[in-house]
Amino acid sequence: MNIVLREYTPSDRDSVNAVALAAFAQYEHEYDDWTSFRDGIGCMADLAGDADLIIAERETIVGAVVHVGPGRLRNRIFPDDWSIIRMLVVAPQHRGQGIGKQLVAASLARAHDIGAPVVGLHTSPIMANALSLYLALGFKRDCDLPPIKGVPYSRYVLPGTAIPAALDLLHNAERHR
């Protein structure tokens, strides 16, 4: 069955938050204060107020990602004119099916359509699958960030001029699935 990507609606709230919690559960023993970190992750749907929350659905919600466009509310580690990818999540039982790639492609397409000069994100080495995907698409580590609850994080960037090549890689990968 195919994946449908669509915009978040308020009725998705509980399902999105549940997928986010399930996706991050594997990191429970990595964070110094898992309880407070989990509480933040469990509010993923709140990000829809200031950003585009893209849903992946296959009968039920199986993944999501947040695209923060230029000029929208963001963490101060990202300049105002950048697009940002936040909280790429895929339900554990649906991983390995290209859903994360489709969500990243949707976010990159939005960044390209609005002419973002850079796409930024922050991630950690503990999120090895996501980091591997981002690096394969051409994201480069820009700077190290302060740890989040004891876990190292870095900021990664993709120049706007590199978005078409990243999208080509993602679309080619989807065609060969």
Protein backbone atom coordinates (compact mmCIF):
# COMPACT_ATOMS: atom_id res chain seq x y z
CA MET A 1 0.00 0.00 0.00
CA ASN A 2 1.28 3.44 -0.91
CA ILE A 3 2.14 6.22 1.48
CA VAL A 4 0.12 9.42 1.24
CA LEU A 5 1.76 12.66 2.32
CA ARG A 6 -0.59 15.39 3.47
CA GLU A 7 -0.92 18.42 5.70
CA TYR A 8 -1.54 18.03 9.41
CA THR A 9 -5.05 18.64 10.69
CA PRO A 10 -5.97 19.11 14.37
CA SER A 11 -7.65 15.70 14.45
CA ASP A 12 -4.16 14.17 13.84
CA ARG A 13 -2.82 15.51 17.14
CA ASP A 14 -2.87 12.36 19.27
CA SER A 15 -1.62 10.10 16.47
CA VAL A 16 1.28 12.40 15.55
CA ASN A 17 2.35 12.69 19.16
CA ALA A 18 2.15 8.91 19.60
CA VAL A 19 4.29 8.28 16.51
CA ALA A 20 6.87 10.80 17.74
CA LEU A 21 7.05 9.10 21.13
CA ALA A 22 7.37 5.66 19.54
CA ALA A 23 10.06 6.88 17.14
CA PHE A 24 12.20 8.35 19.92
CA ALA A 25 11.65 5.57 22.48
CA GLN A 26 14.82 3.78 21.37
CA TYR A 27 16.86 6.68 22.79
CA GLU A 28 15.42 6.45 26.31
CA HIS A 29 18.74 5.45 27.85
CA GLU A 30 20.77 8.05 25.95
CA TYR A 31 19.32 11.21 27.52
CA ASP A 32 20.15 12.35 31.06
CA ASP A 33 16.58 13.44 31.72
CA TRP A 34 14.47 11.21 29.52
CA THR A 35 11.23 12.20 31.23
CA SER A 36 11.44 15.87 30.32
CA PHE A 37 12.82 15.10 26.86
CA ARG A 38 9.97 12.64 26.25
CA ASP A 39 7.46 15.24 27.40
CA GLY A 40 8.75 17.65 24.72
CA ILE A 41 8.76 15.00 22.00
CA GLY A 42 5.22 14.05 22.94
CA CYS A 43 4.06 17.53 21.93
CA MET A 44 5.22 17.34 18.31
CA ALA A 45 1.80 18.41 17.03
CA ASP A 46 2.23 21.77 18.78
CA LEU A 47 4.85 22.66 16.16
CA ALA A 48 2.07 22.90 13.56
CA GLY A 49 1.18 26.30 14.97
CA ASP A 50 4.31 27.95 13.56
CA ALA A 51 5.39 25.54 10.82
CA ASP A 52 4.26 23.03 8.22
CA LEU A 53 3.67 19.62 9.75
CA ILE A 54 3.71 17.02 6.99
CA ILE A 55 2.04 13.69 7.70
CA ALA A 56 2.82 10.29 6.15
CA GLU A 57 -0.21 8.06 6.17
CA ARG A 58 -0.87 4.42 5.28
CA GLU A 59 -4.36 3.85 6.69
CA THR A 60 -2.97 5.36 9.90
CA ILE A 61 -0.28 7.96 10.52
CA VAL A 62 3.12 6.29 10.17
CA GLY A 63 5.45 9.30 10.11
CA ALA A 64 5.79 13.05 10.14
CA VAL A 65 8.24 15.90 9.68
CA VAL A 66 8.18 19.62 10.35
CA HIS A 67 9.26 22.20 7.77
CA VAL A 68 9.90 25.66 9.18
CA GLY A 69 10.05 28.17 6.36
CA PRO A 70 12.05 31.40 6.27
CA GLY A 71 10.78 34.10 8.59
CA ARG A 72 8.84 31.73 10.82
CA LEU A 73 9.45 31.16 14.52
CA ARG A 74 12.58 29.09 15.11
CA ASN A 75 15.38 28.23 17.46
CA ARG A 76 18.03 30.95 17.48
CA ILE A 77 20.63 28.50 16.18
CA PHE A 78 19.07 28.97 12.73
CA PRO A 79 19.13 32.26 10.78
CA ASP A 80 15.70 33.70 9.91
CA ASP A 81 16.08 33.25 6.15
CA TRP A 82 16.76 29.49 6.28
CA SER A 83 14.30 26.63 5.94
CA ILE A 84 14.56 24.07 8.71
CA ILE A 85 13.77 20.38 8.92
CA ARG A 86 12.62 19.34 12.39
CA MET A 87 11.60 16.11 14.04
CA LEU A 88 11.65 13.57 11.26
CA VAL A 89 9.80 10.62 12.81
CA VAL A 90 8.73 7.25 11.43
CA ALA A 91 6.92 4.62 13.50
CA PRO A 92 9.38 1.81 14.25
CA GLN A 93 7.27 -0.89 12.59
CA HIS A 94 7.22 1.13 9.34
CA ARG A 95 10.94 1.90 9.05
CA GLY A 96 12.99 0.74 6.09
CA GLN A 97 10.18 1.45 3.62
CA GLY A 98 11.35 4.85 2.34
CA ILE A 99 8.88 6.86 4.44
CA GLY A 100 11.58 9.04 6.01
CA LYS A 101 13.01 9.76 2.57
CA GLN A 102 9.58 10.79 1.28
CA LEU A 103 9.09 13.12 4.23
CA VAL A 104 12.52 14.70 3.76
CA ALA A 105 11.80 15.11 0.03
CA ALA A 106 8.53 16.90 0.84
CA SER A 107 10.32 19.26 3.20
CA LEU A 108 13.15 19.93 0.73
CA ALA A 109 10.62 20.57 -2.05
CA ARG A 110 8.96 23.22 0.12
CA ALA A 111 12.31 24.84 0.84
CA HIS A 112 13.12 24.85 -2.88
CA ASP A 113 9.72 26.24 -3.86
CA ILE A 114 10.11 29.22 -1.53
CA GLY A 115 13.71 29.84 -2.56
CA ALA A 116 15.36 29.18 0.78
CA PRO A 117 19.08 29.94 0.54
CA VAL A 118 19.92 27.16 3.03
CA VAL A 119 18.16 24.22 4.66
CA GLY A 120 19.30 23.54 8.21
CA LEU A 121 18.65 20.89 10.79
CA HIS A 122 20.14 19.62 14.01
CA THR A 123 20.69 15.99 14.84
CA SER A 124 22.86 13.70 16.88
CA PRO A 125 25.19 10.80 16.11
CA ILE A 126 22.86 8.57 18.14
CA MET A 127 20.29 9.07 15.36
CA ALA A 128 22.50 7.17 12.96
CA ASN A 129 19.92 6.33 10.29
CA ALA A 130 18.70 9.91 9.97
CA LEU A 131 22.23 11.29 10.02
CA SER A 132 23.31 8.84 7.33
CA LEU A 133 20.39 9.95 5.13
CA TYR A 134 21.17 13.64 5.60
CA LEU A 135 24.87 13.15 4.80
CA ALA A 136 24.02 11.12 1.68
CA LEU A 137 21.83 14.01 0.50
CA GLY A 138 24.69 16.48 0.82
CA PHE A 139 24.11 18.03 4.24
CA LYS A 140 27.37 19.06 5.89
CA ARG A 141 28.10 19.49 9.58
CA ASP A 142 28.27 23.23 10.13
CA CYS A 143 28.93 23.45 13.86
CA ASP A 144 28.63 21.53 17.10
CA LEU A 145 25.85 22.60 19.43
CA PRO A 146 25.52 22.35 23.19
CA PRO A 147 24.43 18.86 24.23
CA ILE A 148 20.72 18.32 24.80
CA LYS A 149 20.20 16.48 28.09
CA GLY A 150 23.67 14.97 27.77
CA VAL A 151 23.43 13.98 24.10
CA PRO A 152 25.75 15.64 21.55
CA TYR A 153 24.10 17.54 18.69
CA SER A 154 25.40 19.37 15.64
CA ARG A 155 23.88 21.70 13.08
CA TYR A 156 23.86 20.48 9.48
CA VAL A 157 23.29 22.59 6.38
CA LEU A 158 22.42 22.08 2.75
CA PRO A 159 22.83 25.07 0.40
CA GLY A 160 19.69 25.97 -1.50
CA THR A 161 21.57 25.36 -4.75
CA ALA A 162 22.04 21.71 -3.71
CA ILE A 163 18.34 21.02 -3.08
CA PRO A 164 17.59 19.87 -6.67
CA ALA A 165 20.39 17.27 -6.54
CA ALA A 166 19.17 16.02 -3.16
CA LEU A 167 15.63 15.75 -4.50
CA ASP A 168 16.90 13.82 -7.54
CA LEU A 169 18.66 11.35 -5.22
CA LEU A 170 15.49 10.88 -3.20
CA HIS A 171 13.25 10.47 -6.24
CA ASN A 172 15.67 7.99 -7.84
CA ALA A 173 15.79 5.99 -4.61
CA GLU A 174 11.99 5.87 -4.56
CA ARG A 175 11.81 4.69 -8.18
CA HIS A 176 14.20 1.83 -7.44
CA ARG A 177 12.28 0.57 -4.40
